[in-house]
Amino acid sequence: MLQLITGMLVMGYLVAALFFLKFWRNRRDRLFAWFAAAFTILACQRLALGVLNPQNANHFEEDHPGFYVIRLCAFVLILIAIMDKNRR
């Protein structure tokens, strides 16, 4: 069951990344490129978490804080995108 939920999360992140990438191609606004990169990072993080230990992903994530750092990087990218958009 956990693998199914992990797969749905990865798919959702990738759909969001493709959605923002489509808007970036149409409008050439850097905000959409930053968002697409952030959601791609989130998808990769969740995929790695599911592949490395699919039976007990929550316990594995608590033992390896590097996964939180990857997620933090994605959220920092979103914050940078918002600040960059408001600065112009």
C-alpha atoms as a PDB file:
ATOM      1  CA  MET A   1       0.000   0.000   0.000  1.00  0.00           C
ATOM      2  CA  LEU A   2       2.859   2.358   0.831  1.00  0.00           C
ATOM      3  CA  GLN A   3       4.412   1.782  -2.598  1.00  0.00           C
ATOM      4  CA  LEU A   4       1.145   2.772  -4.249  1.00  0.00           C
ATOM      5  CA  ILE A   5       0.957   6.009  -2.296  1.00  0.00           C
ATOM      6  CA  THR A   6       4.617   6.762  -3.034  1.00  0.00           C
ATOM      7  CA  GLY A   7       3.992   6.186  -6.726  1.00  0.00           C
ATOM      8  CA  MET A   8       0.989   8.509  -6.675  1.00  0.00           C
ATOM      9  CA  LEU A   9       3.033  11.209  -4.958  1.00  0.00           C
ATOM     10  CA  VAL A  10       5.842  10.900  -7.514  1.00  0.00           C
ATOM     11  CA  MET A  11       3.322  11.086 -10.345  1.00  0.00           C
ATOM     12  CA  GLY A  12       1.637  14.130  -8.801  1.00  0.00           C
ATOM     13  CA  TYR A  13       4.943  15.956  -8.385  1.00  0.00           C
ATOM     14  CA  LEU A  14       5.922  15.171 -11.964  1.00  0.00           C
ATOM     15  CA  VAL A  15       2.557  16.321 -13.309  1.00  0.00           C
ATOM     16  CA  ALA A  16       2.962  19.603 -11.420  1.00  0.00           C
ATOM     17  CA  ALA A  17       6.506  19.967 -12.799  1.00  0.00           C
ATOM     18  CA  LEU A  18       5.300  19.399 -16.356  1.00  0.00           C
ATOM     19  CA  PHE A  19       2.455  21.840 -15.793  1.00  0.00           C
ATOM     20  CA  PHE A  20       4.871  24.592 -14.730  1.00  0.00           C
ATOM     21  CA  LEU A  21       7.292  23.671 -17.506  1.00  0.00           C
ATOM     22  CA  LYS A  22       4.509  24.152 -20.056  1.00  0.00           C
ATOM     23  CA  PHE A  23       3.780  27.611 -18.688  1.00  0.00           C
ATOM     24  CA  TRP A  24       7.482  28.445 -18.716  1.00  0.00           C
ATOM     25  CA  ARG A  25       7.707  27.527 -22.414  1.00  0.00           C
ATOM     26  CA  ASN A  26       4.710  29.700 -23.243  1.00  0.00           C
ATOM     27  CA  ARG A  27       5.550  32.780 -21.169  1.00  0.00           C
ATOM     28  CA  ARG A  28       9.311  32.502 -20.514  1.00  0.00           C
ATOM     29  CA  ASP A  29       8.796  33.575 -16.908  1.00  0.00           C
ATOM     30  CA  ARG A  30      11.541  32.336 -14.587  1.00  0.00           C
ATOM     31  CA  LEU A  31       9.022  31.726 -11.802  1.00  0.00           C
ATOM     32  CA  PHE A  32       7.599  28.756 -13.677  1.00  0.00           C
ATOM     33  CA  ALA A  33      11.063  27.314 -14.364  1.00  0.00           C
ATOM     34  CA  TRP A  34      11.977  27.537 -10.662  1.00  0.00           C
ATOM     35  CA  PHE A  35       8.703  25.855  -9.689  1.00  0.00           C
ATOM     36  CA  ALA A  36       9.232  23.084 -12.258  1.00  0.00           C
ATOM     37  CA  ALA A  37      12.715  22.448 -10.874  1.00  0.00           C
ATOM     38  CA  ALA A  38      11.426  22.362  -7.293  1.00  0.00           C
ATOM     39  CA  PHE A  39       8.690  19.854  -8.079  1.00  0.00           C
ATOM     40  CA  THR A  40      11.152  17.696 -10.023  1.00  0.00           C
ATOM     41  CA  ILE A  41      13.435  17.636  -6.971  1.00  0.00           C
ATOM     42  CA  LEU A  42      10.479  16.655  -4.779  1.00  0.00           C
ATOM     43  CA  ALA A  43       9.569  13.845  -7.189  1.00  0.00           C
ATOM     44  CA  CYS A  44      13.144  12.527  -7.217  1.00  0.00           C
ATOM     45  CA  GLN A  45      13.314  12.656  -3.427  1.00  0.00           C
ATOM     46  CA  ARG A  46      10.081  10.701  -3.030  1.00  0.00           C
ATOM     47  CA  LEU A  47      11.138   8.194  -5.707  1.00  0.00           C
ATOM     48  CA  ALA A  48      14.481   7.602  -3.989  1.00  0.00           C
ATOM     49  CA  LEU A  49      12.724   7.144  -0.675  1.00  0.00           C
ATOM     50  CA  GLY A  50      10.383   4.553  -2.162  1.00  0.00           C
ATOM     51  CA  VAL A  51      13.111   2.680  -4.023  1.00  0.00           C
ATOM     52  CA  LEU A  52      15.611   2.502  -1.173  1.00  0.00           C
ATOM     53  CA  ASN A  53      13.209   1.175   1.446  1.00  0.00           C
ATOM     54  CA  PRO A  54       9.688   0.531   0.205  1.00  0.00           C
ATOM     55  CA  GLN A  55       8.521  -1.440   3.255  1.00  0.00           C
ATOM     56  CA  ASN A  56       8.956   1.205   5.931  1.00  0.00           C
ATOM     57  CA  ALA A  57       9.633   4.545   4.234  1.00  0.00           C
ATOM     58  CA  ASN A  58       8.687   6.734   7.194  1.00  0.00           C
ATOM     59  CA  HIS A  59      11.115   5.019   9.568  1.00  0.00           C
ATOM     60  CA  PHE A  60      13.841   5.072   6.907  1.00  0.00           C
ATOM     61  CA  GLU A  61      13.384   8.822   6.402  1.00  0.00           C
ATOM     62  CA  GLU A  62      13.745   9.446  10.129  1.00  0.00           C
ATOM     63  CA  ASP A  63      17.024   7.507  10.199  1.00  0.00           C
ATOM     64  CA  HIS A  64      18.469   9.355   7.189  1.00  0.00           C
ATOM     65  CA  PRO A  65      17.982  13.124   7.527  1.00  0.00           C
ATOM     66  CA  GLY A  66      19.464  13.713   4.070  1.00  0.00           C
ATOM     67  CA  PHE A  67      16.013  13.251   2.609  1.00  0.00           C
ATOM     68  CA  TYR A  68      14.805  16.210   4.633  1.00  0.00           C
ATOM     69  CA  VAL A  69      17.685  18.304   3.288  1.00  0.00           C
ATOM     70  CA  ILE A  70      16.671  17.483  -0.283  1.00  0.00           C
ATOM     71  CA  ARG A  71      13.089  18.488   0.479  1.00  0.00           C
ATOM     72  CA  LEU A  72      14.349  21.677   2.135  1.00  0.00           C
ATOM     73  CA  CYS A  73      16.282  22.536  -1.032  1.00  0.00           C
ATOM     74  CA  ALA A  74      13.104  22.245  -3.082  1.00  0.00           C
ATOM     75  CA  PHE A  75      11.220  24.566  -0.739  1.00  0.00           C
ATOM     76  CA  VAL A  76      14.113  27.032  -0.770  1.00  0.00           C
ATOM     77  CA  LEU A  77      13.893  27.044  -4.569  1.00  0.00           C
ATOM     78  CA  ILE A  78      10.223  27.960  -4.300  1.00  0.00           C
ATOM     79  CA  LEU A  79      11.050  30.789  -1.891  1.00  0.00           C
ATOM     80  CA  ILE A  80      13.798  32.057  -4.208  1.00  0.00           C
ATOM     81  CA  ALA A  81      11.350  32.005  -7.116  1.00  0.00           C
ATOM     82  CA  ILE A  82       8.807  34.058  -5.189  1.00  0.00           C
ATOM     83  CA  MET A  83      11.420  36.574  -4.041  1.00  0.00           C
ATOM     84  CA  ASP A  84      12.813  36.838  -7.569  1.00  0.00           C
ATOM     85  CA  LYS A  85       9.356  37.472  -8.989  1.00  0.00           C
ATOM     86  CA  ASN A  86       8.563  40.174  -6.396  1.00  0.00           C
ATOM     87  CA  ARG A  87      11.937  41.881  -6.796  1.00  0.00           C
ATOM     88  CA  ARG A  88      11.357  42.714 -10.465  1.00  0.00           C
END
